[in-house]
Amino acid sequence: MSTPPTVPRPRPTWREPRFLLGIVLVIASVAGVAGLVVASDRSVEVFAARHALAAGDEVSASDLVGVRVRLGAASSAYLRAAPQSDTVVTRTIAAGELVPVGALGAASAQRRTSVVISVDGELPASIDIGSAVDVWSAAATGEGTGAPKFAAPRVLVPDGTVVRVVRDSGLGATGGVAVEVRVPKDATAEVLESLANGDAITVLPADA
């Protein structure tokens, strides 16, 4: 009785050179695409203001939100690390605005303070938190028997920043508005003197 010829077992597919070559090509292709995506993504993470920040406001990580943007060489001009303690903004930064490094400073170097001013009537519609304003004062002369007489108005503070606005505050003869304005410290005494004298004080947009 003859022995049937031995049939060679087929080589497993995963050991086929063409199959292995295909796997290598697929891996290389995926790696290449991933490399191109990484190389083409030149965005960097910088910080933007989570809410409006007025000049003189202290700023911390809770006031900021990280965003990825493409800025190229300009990225160094914007905040990329959490600010240190005692950091304040030196100009108004709108909500969502990228935070420029040049708009930050040390609180100890800022010589500004806040004063609450009662203004009769309504403020101009353009004035809100963070607005740059001029504080005008008309000195009371004490002349006349009717309504108080005032001298010609003059700019008392030319570079104030609105920190807070309280409408219908109940202050003043007609209700009016209370405005918290951040002013240079060297102008504080003059503002307080004008308030104490009952001068007519008006807050107007700085570009008015």
N, C-alpha and C. Protein backbone atom coordinates (compact mmCIF):
# COMPACT_ATOMS: atom_id res chain seq x y z
N MET A 1 0.87 -1.20 0.00
CA MET A 1 0.00 0.00 0.00
C MET A 1 0.89 1.23 0.00
N SER A 2 0.69 2.10 -0.95
CA SER A 2 1.55 3.29 -1.07
C SER A 2 1.10 4.40 -0.13
N THR A 3 2.07 5.16 0.32
CA THR A 3 1.78 6.29 1.23
C THR A 3 1.46 7.53 0.41
N PRO A 4 0.33 8.18 0.71
CA PRO A 4 -0.01 9.38 -0.09
C PRO A 4 1.03 10.47 0.12
N PRO A 5 1.28 11.22 -0.90
CA PRO A 5 2.30 12.28 -0.79
C PRO A 5 1.90 13.34 0.25
N THR A 6 2.89 13.83 0.94
CA THR A 6 2.65 14.86 1.97
C THR A 6 2.40 16.22 1.32
N VAL A 7 1.26 16.80 1.69
CA VAL A 7 0.92 18.13 1.13
C VAL A 7 1.47 19.21 2.06
N PRO A 8 2.31 20.08 1.57
CA PRO A 8 2.88 21.13 2.46
C PRO A 8 1.80 22.06 3.01
N ARG A 9 1.93 22.36 4.29
CA ARG A 9 0.97 23.26 4.95
C ARG A 9 1.17 24.69 4.44
N PRO A 10 0.07 25.40 4.16
CA PRO A 10 0.24 26.79 3.67
C PRO A 10 0.84 27.69 4.76
N ARG A 11 1.67 28.60 4.32
CA ARG A 11 2.29 29.53 5.25
C ARG A 11 1.24 30.49 5.80
N PRO A 12 1.22 30.75 7.10
CA PRO A 12 0.25 31.71 7.66
C PRO A 12 0.33 33.05 6.95
N THR A 13 -0.86 33.64 6.78
CA THR A 13 -0.90 34.92 6.05
C THR A 13 -0.02 35.98 6.69
N TRP A 14 0.00 36.02 8.04
CA TRP A 14 0.76 37.09 8.71
C TRP A 14 2.25 36.95 8.51
N ARG A 15 2.67 35.79 7.99
CA ARG A 15 4.11 35.60 7.74
C ARG A 15 4.47 35.87 6.29
N GLU A 16 3.48 36.20 5.49
CA GLU A 16 3.75 36.51 4.08
C GLU A 16 4.50 37.83 3.99
N PRO A 17 5.56 37.91 3.23
CA PRO A 17 6.32 39.17 3.09
C PRO A 17 5.47 40.33 2.62
N ARG A 18 4.54 40.05 1.68
CA ARG A 18 3.71 41.13 1.17
C ARG A 18 2.78 41.67 2.25
N PHE A 19 2.27 40.74 3.10
CA PHE A 19 1.39 41.18 4.19
C PHE A 19 2.17 42.04 5.19
N LEU A 20 3.36 41.60 5.54
CA LEU A 20 4.19 42.36 6.48
C LEU A 20 4.58 43.71 5.89
N LEU A 21 4.89 43.71 4.60
CA LEU A 21 5.23 44.97 3.95
C LEU A 21 4.05 45.92 3.97
N GLY A 22 2.84 45.39 3.76
CA GLY A 22 1.64 46.23 3.80
C GLY A 22 1.44 46.85 5.17
N ILE A 23 1.64 46.05 6.23
CA ILE A 23 1.50 46.58 7.60
C ILE A 23 2.49 47.71 7.84
N VAL A 24 3.73 47.49 7.40
CA VAL A 24 4.77 48.52 7.58
C VAL A 24 4.40 49.80 6.85
N LEU A 25 3.86 49.66 5.63
CA LEU A 25 3.48 50.84 4.86
C LEU A 25 2.33 51.59 5.51
N VAL A 26 1.36 50.85 6.07
CA VAL A 26 0.22 51.50 6.75
C VAL A 26 0.70 52.28 7.97
N ILE A 27 1.57 51.63 8.77
CA ILE A 27 2.09 52.31 9.96
C ILE A 27 2.88 53.55 9.58
N ALA A 28 3.70 53.42 8.55
CA ALA A 28 4.50 54.56 8.10
C ALA A 28 3.61 55.69 7.60
N SER A 29 2.53 55.32 6.90
CA SER A 29 1.61 56.33 6.39
C SER A 29 0.92 57.08 7.53
N VAL A 30 0.43 56.33 8.55
CA VAL A 30 -0.23 56.96 9.69
C VAL A 30 0.74 57.88 10.44
N ALA A 31 1.96 57.38 10.64
CA ALA A 31 2.96 58.19 11.34
C ALA A 31 3.29 59.45 10.56
N GLY A 32 3.35 59.30 9.23
CA GLY A 32 3.65 60.46 8.40
C GLY A 32 2.57 61.52 8.47
N VAL A 33 1.31 61.08 8.41
CA VAL A 33 0.19 62.03 8.50
C VAL A 33 0.18 62.72 9.85
N ALA A 34 0.40 61.93 10.93
CA ALA A 34 0.44 62.52 12.27
C ALA A 34 1.56 63.54 12.39
N GLY A 35 2.70 63.21 11.78
CA GLY A 35 3.82 64.14 11.82
C GLY A 35 3.52 65.43 11.09
N LEU A 36 2.85 65.31 9.94
CA LEU A 36 2.48 66.51 9.18
C LEU A 36 1.51 67.39 9.95
N VAL A 37 0.53 66.75 10.64
CA VAL A 37 -0.45 67.51 11.43
C VAL A 37 0.24 68.27 12.54
N VAL A 38 1.15 67.57 13.24
CA VAL A 38 1.87 68.23 14.34
C VAL A 38 2.73 69.36 13.81
N ALA A 39 3.41 69.11 12.68
CA ALA A 39 4.30 70.13 12.12
C ALA A 39 3.53 71.34 11.63
N SER A 40 2.32 71.11 11.11
CA SER A 40 1.54 72.22 10.56
C SER A 40 0.79 73.00 11.64
N ASP A 41 0.64 72.40 12.83
CA ASP A 41 -0.06 73.09 13.92
C ASP A 41 0.92 74.00 14.65
N ARG A 42 0.93 75.25 14.27
CA ARG A 42 1.84 76.22 14.88
C ARG A 42 1.13 77.11 15.88
N SER A 43 -0.02 76.66 16.36
CA SER A 43 -0.76 77.45 17.35
C SER A 43 -0.09 77.31 18.71
N VAL A 44 -0.26 78.32 19.55
CA VAL A 44 0.29 78.32 20.90
C VAL A 44 -0.84 78.69 21.85
N GLU A 45 -0.69 78.31 23.10
CA GLU A 45 -1.70 78.65 24.09
C GLU A 45 -1.31 79.95 24.80
N VAL A 46 -2.22 80.91 24.77
CA VAL A 46 -2.04 82.17 25.48
C VAL A 46 -3.29 82.40 26.32
N PHE A 47 -3.23 83.40 27.18
CA PHE A 47 -4.36 83.68 28.05
C PHE A 47 -5.20 84.84 27.52
N ALA A 48 -6.52 84.68 27.66
CA ALA A 48 -7.47 85.74 27.35
C ALA A 48 -8.23 86.09 28.63
N ALA A 49 -8.78 87.30 28.68
CA ALA A 49 -9.54 87.72 29.85
C ALA A 49 -10.87 86.99 29.92
N ARG A 50 -11.16 86.39 31.06
CA ARG A 50 -12.44 85.69 31.24
C ARG A 50 -13.58 86.69 31.33
N HIS A 51 -13.29 87.89 31.84
CA HIS A 51 -14.26 88.97 31.96
C HIS A 51 -13.51 90.29 31.83
N ALA A 52 -14.23 91.38 31.73
CA ALA A 52 -13.58 92.69 31.54
C ALA A 52 -12.71 93.02 32.74
N LEU A 53 -11.52 93.55 32.47
CA LEU A 53 -10.59 93.96 33.51
C LEU A 53 -10.30 95.45 33.34
N ALA A 54 -10.52 96.21 34.40
CA ALA A 54 -10.26 97.65 34.35
C ALA A 54 -8.84 97.94 34.80
N ALA A 55 -8.30 99.03 34.34
CA ALA A 55 -6.94 99.42 34.74
C ALA A 55 -6.84 99.48 36.25
N GLY A 56 -5.83 98.80 36.79
CA GLY A 56 -5.65 98.77 38.23
C GLY A 56 -6.19 97.52 38.89
N ASP A 57 -7.01 96.73 38.17
CA ASP A 57 -7.55 95.48 38.73
C ASP A 57 -6.43 94.47 38.92
N GLU A 58 -6.44 93.81 40.07
CA GLU A 58 -5.52 92.69 40.25
C GLU A 58 -6.00 91.53 39.39
N VAL A 59 -5.06 90.78 38.85
CA VAL A 59 -5.41 89.70 37.94
C VAL A 59 -4.74 88.42 38.41
N SER A 60 -5.52 87.32 38.41
CA SER A 60 -5.00 86.01 38.79
C SER A 60 -5.47 85.00 37.76
N ALA A 61 -5.08 83.74 37.97
CA ALA A 61 -5.43 82.69 37.00
C ALA A 61 -6.94 82.54 36.86
N SER A 62 -7.69 82.82 37.92
CA SER A 62 -9.15 82.67 37.85
C SER A 62 -9.80 83.72 36.94
N ASP A 63 -9.07 84.79 36.62
CA ASP A 63 -9.60 85.84 35.75
C ASP A 63 -9.29 85.55 34.27
N LEU A 64 -8.59 84.45 34.01
CA LEU A 64 -8.10 84.18 32.67
C LEU A 64 -8.58 82.83 32.16
N VAL A 65 -8.53 82.68 30.85
CA VAL A 65 -8.86 81.40 30.22
C VAL A 65 -7.85 81.16 29.10
N GLY A 66 -7.36 79.93 29.01
CA GLY A 66 -6.37 79.61 27.97
C GLY A 66 -7.04 79.37 26.62
N VAL A 67 -6.45 79.91 25.58
CA VAL A 67 -6.94 79.70 24.22
C VAL A 67 -5.75 79.41 23.30
N ARG A 68 -5.98 78.58 22.28
CA ARG A 68 -4.92 78.28 21.33
C ARG A 68 -5.13 79.14 20.08
N VAL A 69 -4.10 79.86 19.71
CA VAL A 69 -4.18 80.76 18.56
C VAL A 69 -2.87 80.70 17.79
N ARG A 70 -2.93 81.13 16.54
CA ARG A 70 -1.72 81.23 15.72
C ARG A 70 -1.28 82.69 15.68
N LEU A 71 -0.17 82.96 16.31
CA LEU A 71 0.32 84.33 16.39
C LEU A 71 1.70 84.50 15.77
N GLY A 72 2.35 83.38 15.45
CA GLY A 72 3.68 83.49 14.88
C GLY A 72 4.64 84.17 15.85
N ALA A 73 5.44 85.07 15.32
CA ALA A 73 6.43 85.77 16.14
C ALA A 73 5.80 86.67 17.18
N ALA A 74 4.52 87.02 16.99
CA ALA A 74 3.85 87.92 17.93
C ALA A 74 3.43 87.24 19.22
N SER A 75 3.58 85.90 19.29
CA SER A 75 3.11 85.18 20.48
C SER A 75 3.82 85.64 21.75
N SER A 76 5.06 86.09 21.62
CA SER A 76 5.81 86.53 22.81
C SER A 76 5.23 87.80 23.42
N ALA A 77 4.36 88.48 22.69
CA ALA A 77 3.79 89.73 23.20
C ALA A 77 2.58 89.48 24.10
N TYR A 78 2.14 88.22 24.21
CA TYR A 78 0.94 87.91 24.98
C TYR A 78 1.26 86.96 26.13
N LEU A 79 0.42 87.01 27.14
CA LEU A 79 0.64 86.24 28.37
C LEU A 79 0.49 84.75 28.09
N ARG A 80 1.54 83.98 28.42
CA ARG A 80 1.51 82.54 28.18
C ARG A 80 1.67 81.73 29.46
N ALA A 81 1.91 82.40 30.58
CA ALA A 81 2.04 81.73 31.87
C ALA A 81 1.16 82.45 32.89
N ALA A 82 0.70 81.72 33.88
CA ALA A 82 -0.15 82.34 34.90
C ALA A 82 0.57 83.51 35.55
N PRO A 83 -0.14 84.62 35.77
CA PRO A 83 0.52 85.80 36.35
C PRO A 83 0.93 85.57 37.79
N GLN A 84 1.97 86.26 38.20
CA GLN A 84 2.41 86.17 39.58
C GLN A 84 1.47 86.98 40.47
N SER A 85 1.54 86.73 41.76
CA SER A 85 0.72 87.51 42.70
C SER A 85 1.15 88.97 42.63
N ASP A 86 0.26 89.87 43.01
CA ASP A 86 0.53 91.31 43.00
C ASP A 86 0.60 91.86 41.58
N THR A 87 -0.04 91.15 40.62
CA THR A 87 -0.07 91.63 39.24
C THR A 87 -1.38 92.36 38.97
N VAL A 88 -1.29 93.51 38.31
CA VAL A 88 -2.48 94.27 37.95
C VAL A 88 -2.43 94.60 36.46
N VAL A 89 -3.58 94.94 35.89
CA VAL A 89 -3.61 95.40 34.50
C VAL A 89 -3.45 96.91 34.50
N THR A 90 -2.75 97.41 33.53
CA THR A 90 -2.47 98.85 33.46
C THR A 90 -3.38 99.58 32.49
N ARG A 91 -4.19 98.82 31.77
CA ARG A 91 -5.20 99.42 30.89
C ARG A 91 -6.39 98.48 30.83
N THR A 92 -7.51 98.97 30.36
CA THR A 92 -8.71 98.14 30.28
C THR A 92 -8.51 97.02 29.26
N ILE A 93 -8.89 95.80 29.66
CA ILE A 93 -8.84 94.63 28.77
C ILE A 93 -10.25 94.07 28.69
N ALA A 94 -10.80 94.01 27.50
CA ALA A 94 -12.18 93.56 27.31
C ALA A 94 -12.29 92.05 27.52
N ALA A 95 -13.49 91.60 27.84
CA ALA A 95 -13.74 90.16 28.01
C ALA A 95 -13.42 89.44 26.70
N GLY A 96 -12.65 88.37 26.78
CA GLY A 96 -12.27 87.60 25.60
C GLY A 96 -11.04 88.11 24.89
N GLU A 97 -10.54 89.28 25.28
CA GLU A 97 -9.34 89.84 24.62
C GLU A 97 -8.09 89.12 25.10
N LEU A 98 -7.16 88.85 24.18
CA LEU A 98 -5.88 88.28 24.57
C LEU A 98 -5.15 89.28 25.46
N VAL A 99 -4.48 88.77 26.49
CA VAL A 99 -3.85 89.64 27.48
C VAL A 99 -2.42 89.97 27.05
N PRO A 100 -2.15 91.23 26.68
CA PRO A 100 -0.79 91.60 26.29
C PRO A 100 0.11 91.67 27.53
N VAL A 101 1.33 91.21 27.38
CA VAL A 101 2.29 91.30 28.48
C VAL A 101 2.50 92.76 28.87
N GLY A 102 2.47 93.65 27.88
CA GLY A 102 2.68 95.07 28.14
C GLY A 102 1.56 95.75 28.90
N ALA A 103 0.43 95.04 29.07
CA ALA A 103 -0.70 95.62 29.80
C ALA A 103 -0.73 95.15 31.25
N LEU A 104 0.37 94.55 31.71
CA LEU A 104 0.45 94.07 33.08
C LEU A 104 1.57 94.78 33.83
N GLY A 105 1.37 94.91 35.12
CA GLY A 105 2.40 95.55 35.95
C GLY A 105 2.25 95.10 37.39
N ALA A 106 3.16 95.51 38.22
CA ALA A 106 3.10 95.18 39.65
C ALA A 106 2.21 96.17 40.37
N ALA A 107 1.36 95.65 41.26
CA ALA A 107 0.45 96.51 42.00
C ALA A 107 1.21 97.56 42.80
N SER A 108 2.37 97.18 43.30
CA SER A 108 3.15 98.12 44.11
C SER A 108 3.66 99.30 43.30
N ALA A 109 3.69 99.13 41.97
CA ALA A 109 4.19 100.22 41.11
C ALA A 109 3.08 101.12 40.61
N GLN A 110 1.83 100.74 40.87
CA GLN A 110 0.69 101.52 40.39
C GLN A 110 0.22 102.47 41.47
N ARG A 111 0.23 103.74 41.20
CA ARG A 111 -0.18 104.74 42.18
C ARG A 111 -1.56 105.28 41.80
N ARG A 112 -2.57 104.42 41.99
CA ARG A 112 -3.94 104.79 41.69
C ARG A 112 -4.83 104.33 42.83
N THR A 113 -5.95 105.02 42.99
CA THR A 113 -6.91 104.65 44.01
C THR A 113 -8.32 104.88 43.48
N SER A 114 -9.31 104.33 44.16
CA SER A 114 -10.69 104.44 43.69
C SER A 114 -11.47 105.45 44.52
N VAL A 115 -12.30 106.23 43.84
CA VAL A 115 -13.15 107.24 44.48
C VAL A 115 -14.57 107.05 43.96
N VAL A 116 -15.55 107.08 44.87
CA VAL A 116 -16.95 106.97 44.47
C VAL A 116 -17.52 108.37 44.31
N ILE A 117 -18.06 108.64 43.13
CA ILE A 117 -18.57 109.97 42.79
C ILE A 117 -20.06 109.88 42.52
N SER A 118 -20.84 110.73 43.17
CA SER A 118 -22.27 110.79 42.92
C SER A 118 -22.54 111.80 41.81
N VAL A 119 -23.22 111.34 40.77
CA VAL A 119 -23.51 112.19 39.61
C VAL A 119 -25.02 112.31 39.47
N ASP A 120 -25.53 113.54 39.43
CA ASP A 120 -26.97 113.74 39.23
C ASP A 120 -27.34 113.38 37.79
N GLY A 121 -28.54 112.82 37.61
CA GLY A 121 -28.99 112.48 36.26
C GLY A 121 -28.37 111.20 35.76
N GLU A 122 -28.31 111.06 34.45
CA GLU A 122 -27.82 109.84 33.82
C GLU A 122 -26.42 110.04 33.25
N LEU A 123 -25.68 108.95 33.21
CA LEU A 123 -24.38 108.95 32.56
C LEU A 123 -24.56 108.78 31.06
N PRO A 124 -23.60 109.23 30.26
CA PRO A 124 -23.64 108.92 28.83
C PRO A 124 -23.71 107.40 28.64
N ALA A 125 -24.47 106.96 27.65
CA ALA A 125 -24.69 105.54 27.42
C ALA A 125 -23.40 104.77 27.17
N SER A 126 -22.38 105.44 26.68
CA SER A 126 -21.13 104.75 26.34
C SER A 126 -20.27 104.43 27.56
N ILE A 127 -20.62 104.97 28.72
CA ILE A 127 -19.81 104.75 29.91
C ILE A 127 -20.27 103.48 30.62
N ASP A 128 -19.31 102.60 30.86
CA ASP A 128 -19.58 101.35 31.56
C ASP A 128 -18.28 100.91 32.24
N ILE A 129 -18.31 99.75 32.85
CA ILE A 129 -17.12 99.24 33.52
C ILE A 129 -15.96 99.16 32.53
N GLY A 130 -14.83 99.70 32.94
CA GLY A 130 -13.64 99.69 32.10
C GLY A 130 -13.49 100.91 31.20
N SER A 131 -14.50 101.78 31.15
CA SER A 131 -14.44 102.95 30.28
C SER A 131 -13.40 103.95 30.79
N ALA A 132 -12.68 104.54 29.85
CA ALA A 132 -11.77 105.64 30.18
C ALA A 132 -12.59 106.93 30.22
N VAL A 133 -12.48 107.66 31.32
CA VAL A 133 -13.31 108.85 31.50
C VAL A 133 -12.50 110.04 31.99
N ASP A 134 -13.07 111.21 31.75
CA ASP A 134 -12.56 112.45 32.33
C ASP A 134 -13.55 112.89 33.40
N VAL A 135 -13.03 113.28 34.54
CA VAL A 135 -13.89 113.80 35.61
C VAL A 135 -13.82 115.32 35.58
N TRP A 136 -14.99 115.95 35.34
CA TRP A 136 -15.08 117.40 35.26
C TRP A 136 -15.67 117.96 36.56
N SER A 137 -15.25 119.16 36.91
CA SER A 137 -15.77 119.79 38.13
C SER A 137 -16.04 121.26 37.87
N ALA A 138 -17.21 121.70 38.33
CA ALA A 138 -17.55 123.13 38.29
C ALA A 138 -17.67 123.59 39.74
N ALA A 139 -16.77 124.44 40.16
CA ALA A 139 -16.72 124.85 41.56
C ALA A 139 -17.95 125.68 41.93
N ALA A 140 -18.51 125.38 43.11
CA ALA A 140 -19.65 126.17 43.59
C ALA A 140 -19.14 127.54 44.04
N THR A 141 -19.80 128.61 43.57
CA THR A 141 -19.36 129.97 43.91
C THR A 141 -20.09 130.52 45.12
N GLY A 142 -21.27 129.98 45.41
CA GLY A 142 -22.05 130.49 46.54
C GLY A 142 -22.80 131.76 46.23
N GLU A 143 -22.76 132.20 44.99
CA GLU A 143 -23.43 133.44 44.61
C GLU A 143 -24.89 133.17 44.26
N GLY A 144 -25.73 134.15 44.42
CA GLY A 144 -27.13 134.07 44.02
C GLY A 144 -27.98 133.48 45.15
N THR A 145 -29.26 133.79 45.12
CA THR A 145 -30.19 133.31 46.14
C THR A 145 -31.03 132.15 45.65
N GLY A 146 -30.98 131.88 44.36
CA GLY A 146 -31.74 130.77 43.81
C GLY A 146 -30.90 129.51 43.77
N ALA A 147 -30.89 128.87 42.60
CA ALA A 147 -30.10 127.66 42.43
C ALA A 147 -28.62 127.98 42.59
N PRO A 148 -27.85 127.03 43.11
CA PRO A 148 -26.41 127.28 43.31
C PRO A 148 -25.74 127.71 42.01
N LYS A 149 -24.82 128.61 42.13
CA LYS A 149 -24.06 129.09 40.98
C LYS A 149 -22.71 128.40 40.96
N PHE A 150 -22.26 128.10 39.77
CA PHE A 150 -21.01 127.37 39.64
C PHE A 150 -20.09 128.09 38.66
N ALA A 151 -18.82 127.94 38.89
CA ALA A 151 -17.83 128.49 37.97
C ALA A 151 -17.76 127.62 36.72
N ALA A 152 -16.98 128.08 35.76
CA ALA A 152 -16.83 127.31 34.51
C ALA A 152 -16.22 125.94 34.83
N PRO A 153 -16.76 124.88 34.24
CA PRO A 153 -16.22 123.55 34.51
C PRO A 153 -14.81 123.37 33.96
N ARG A 154 -14.07 122.52 34.63
CA ARG A 154 -12.71 122.19 34.20
C ARG A 154 -12.48 120.70 34.41
N VAL A 155 -11.48 120.16 33.73
CA VAL A 155 -11.17 118.75 33.90
C VAL A 155 -10.41 118.57 35.21
N LEU A 156 -11.01 117.80 36.10
CA LEU A 156 -10.39 117.54 37.39
C LEU A 156 -9.44 116.36 37.31
N VAL A 157 -9.87 115.31 36.62
CA VAL A 157 -9.04 114.12 36.41
C VAL A 157 -9.14 113.73 34.94
N PRO A 158 -8.05 113.76 34.18
CA PRO A 158 -8.13 113.49 32.75
C PRO A 158 -7.99 112.02 32.36
N ASP A 159 -7.67 111.16 33.30
CA ASP A 159 -7.39 109.78 32.89
C ASP A 159 -7.92 108.77 33.91
N GLY A 160 -9.19 108.89 34.24
CA GLY A 160 -9.82 107.94 35.16
C GLY A 160 -10.32 106.70 34.45
N THR A 161 -10.58 105.67 35.22
CA THR A 161 -11.13 104.42 34.69
C THR A 161 -12.31 104.00 35.54
N VAL A 162 -13.44 103.71 34.90
CA VAL A 162 -14.65 103.30 35.62
C VAL A 162 -14.49 101.87 36.12
N VAL A 163 -14.67 101.69 37.44
CA VAL A 163 -14.59 100.38 38.05
C VAL A 163 -15.97 99.78 38.27
N ARG A 164 -16.93 100.65 38.62
CA ARG A 164 -18.27 100.16 38.95
C ARG A 164 -19.27 101.29 38.72
N VAL A 165 -20.46 100.94 38.28
CA VAL A 165 -21.54 101.91 38.08
C VAL A 165 -22.78 101.41 38.83
N VAL A 166 -23.33 102.25 39.70
CA VAL A 166 -24.55 101.90 40.42
C VAL A 166 -25.61 102.91 40.02
N ARG A 167 -26.55 102.48 39.20
CA ARG A 167 -27.60 103.37 38.73
C ARG A 167 -28.75 103.39 39.73
N ASP A 168 -29.47 104.53 39.79
CA ASP A 168 -30.56 104.71 40.74
C ASP A 168 -30.08 104.43 42.16
N SER A 169 -28.94 105.03 42.50
CA SER A 169 -28.30 104.74 43.77
C SER A 169 -28.99 105.39 44.96
N GLY A 170 -29.85 106.38 44.69
CA GLY A 170 -30.46 107.11 45.79
C GLY A 170 -29.60 108.23 46.32
N LEU A 171 -28.42 108.40 45.71
CA LEU A 171 -27.53 109.48 46.13
C LEU A 171 -27.89 110.75 45.38
N GLY A 172 -27.72 111.87 46.02
CA GLY A 172 -27.98 113.14 45.35
C GLY A 172 -29.44 113.50 45.37
N ALA A 173 -29.73 114.70 44.96
CA ALA A 173 -31.09 115.23 45.06
C ALA A 173 -32.06 114.51 44.13
N THR A 174 -31.58 114.00 43.02
CA THR A 174 -32.49 113.40 42.03
C THR A 174 -32.25 111.91 41.85
N GLY A 175 -31.68 111.29 42.88
CA GLY A 175 -31.40 109.86 42.74
C GLY A 175 -30.04 109.66 42.13
N GLY A 176 -29.92 109.89 40.86
CA GLY A 176 -28.63 109.92 40.18
C GLY A 176 -27.93 108.58 40.13
N VAL A 177 -26.64 108.67 39.92
CA VAL A 177 -25.80 107.50 39.69
C VAL A 177 -24.54 107.62 40.54
N ALA A 178 -24.13 106.52 41.12
CA ALA A 178 -22.84 106.49 41.82
C ALA A 178 -21.84 105.80 40.91
N VAL A 179 -20.70 106.44 40.70
CA VAL A 179 -19.68 105.90 39.81
C VAL A 179 -18.38 105.75 40.59
N GLU A 180 -17.86 104.53 40.60
CA GLU A 180 -16.55 104.31 41.22
C GLU A 180 -15.50 104.46 40.13
N VAL A 181 -14.63 105.44 40.32
CA VAL A 181 -13.63 105.76 39.31
C VAL A 181 -12.24 105.59 39.91
N ARG A 182 -11.36 104.91 39.19
CA ARG A 182 -9.98 104.77 39.63
C ARG A 182 -9.19 105.93 39.06
N VAL A 183 -8.54 106.68 39.96
CA VAL A 183 -7.82 107.90 39.56
C VAL A 183 -6.39 107.83 40.10
N PRO A 184 -5.49 108.63 39.53
CA PRO A 184 -4.13 108.70 40.07
C PRO A 184 -4.15 109.18 41.52
N LYS A 185 -3.30 108.61 42.35
CA LYS A 185 -3.31 108.98 43.77
C LYS A 185 -3.03 110.45 43.99
N ASP A 186 -2.22 111.05 43.13
CA ASP A 186 -1.90 112.46 43.34
C ASP A 186 -3.07 113.38 43.01
N ALA A 187 -4.16 112.81 42.43
CA ALA A 187 -5.35 113.62 42.16
C ALA A 187 -6.45 113.36 43.17
N THR A 188 -6.23 112.41 44.08
CA THR A 188 -7.28 112.02 45.02
C THR A 188 -7.70 113.16 45.93
N ALA A 189 -6.75 113.87 46.49
CA ALA A 189 -7.07 114.95 47.44
C ALA A 189 -7.94 116.01 46.77
N GLU A 190 -7.63 116.36 45.54
CA GLU A 190 -8.39 117.38 44.84
C GLU A 190 -9.81 116.92 44.55
N VAL A 191 -9.96 115.63 44.21
CA VAL A 191 -11.30 115.08 43.96
C VAL A 191 -12.13 115.10 45.24
N LEU A 192 -11.54 114.67 46.34
CA LEU A 192 -12.26 114.64 47.61
C LEU A 192 -12.63 116.05 48.06
N GLU A 193 -11.74 117.02 47.82
CA GLU A 193 -12.03 118.41 48.18
C GLU A 193 -13.21 118.94 47.37
N SER A 194 -13.23 118.61 46.09
CA SER A 194 -14.32 119.06 45.23
C SER A 194 -15.64 118.45 45.68
N LEU A 195 -15.61 117.18 46.06
CA LEU A 195 -16.83 116.53 46.55
C LEU A 195 -17.31 117.18 47.85
N ALA A 196 -16.37 117.46 48.75
CA ALA A 196 -16.73 118.05 50.04
C ALA A 196 -17.29 119.46 49.88
N ASN A 197 -16.84 120.17 48.86
CA ASN A 197 -17.29 121.55 48.64
C ASN A 197 -18.64 121.62 47.94
N GLY A 198 -19.17 120.47 47.52
CA GLY A 198 -20.45 120.47 46.83
C GLY A 198 -20.36 120.95 45.40
N ASP A 199 -19.19 120.82 44.79
CA ASP A 199 -19.03 121.22 43.39
C ASP A 199 -19.86 120.31 42.49
N ALA A 200 -20.21 120.82 41.34
CA ALA A 200 -20.95 120.01 40.36
C ALA A 200 -19.95 119.16 39.59
N ILE A 201 -20.04 117.86 39.74
CA ILE A 201 -19.09 116.96 39.12
C ILE A 201 -19.78 116.15 38.01
N THR A 202 -19.11 116.06 36.89
CA THR A 202 -19.64 115.33 35.74
C THR A 202 -18.58 114.33 35.26
N VAL A 203 -19.02 113.15 34.88
CA VAL A 203 -18.12 112.13 34.34
C VAL A 203 -18.45 111.94 32.87
N LEU A 204 -17.47 112.17 32.01
CA LEU A 204 -17.66 112.08 30.56
C LEU A 204 -16.66 111.13 29.95
N PRO A 205 -17.00 110.53 28.80
CA PRO A 205 -16.02 109.68 28.09
C PRO A 205 -14.76 110.48 27.80
N ALA A 206 -13.61 109.83 27.92
CA ALA A 206 -12.34 110.53 27.72
C ALA A 206 -12.19 111.07 26.32
N ASP A 207 -12.85 110.45 25.33
CA ASP A 207 -12.73 110.91 23.95
C ASP A 207 -13.83 111.88 23.57
N ALA A 208 -14.62 112.33 24.55
CA ALA A 208 -15.72 113.24 24.25
C ALA A 208 -15.20 114.63 23.92
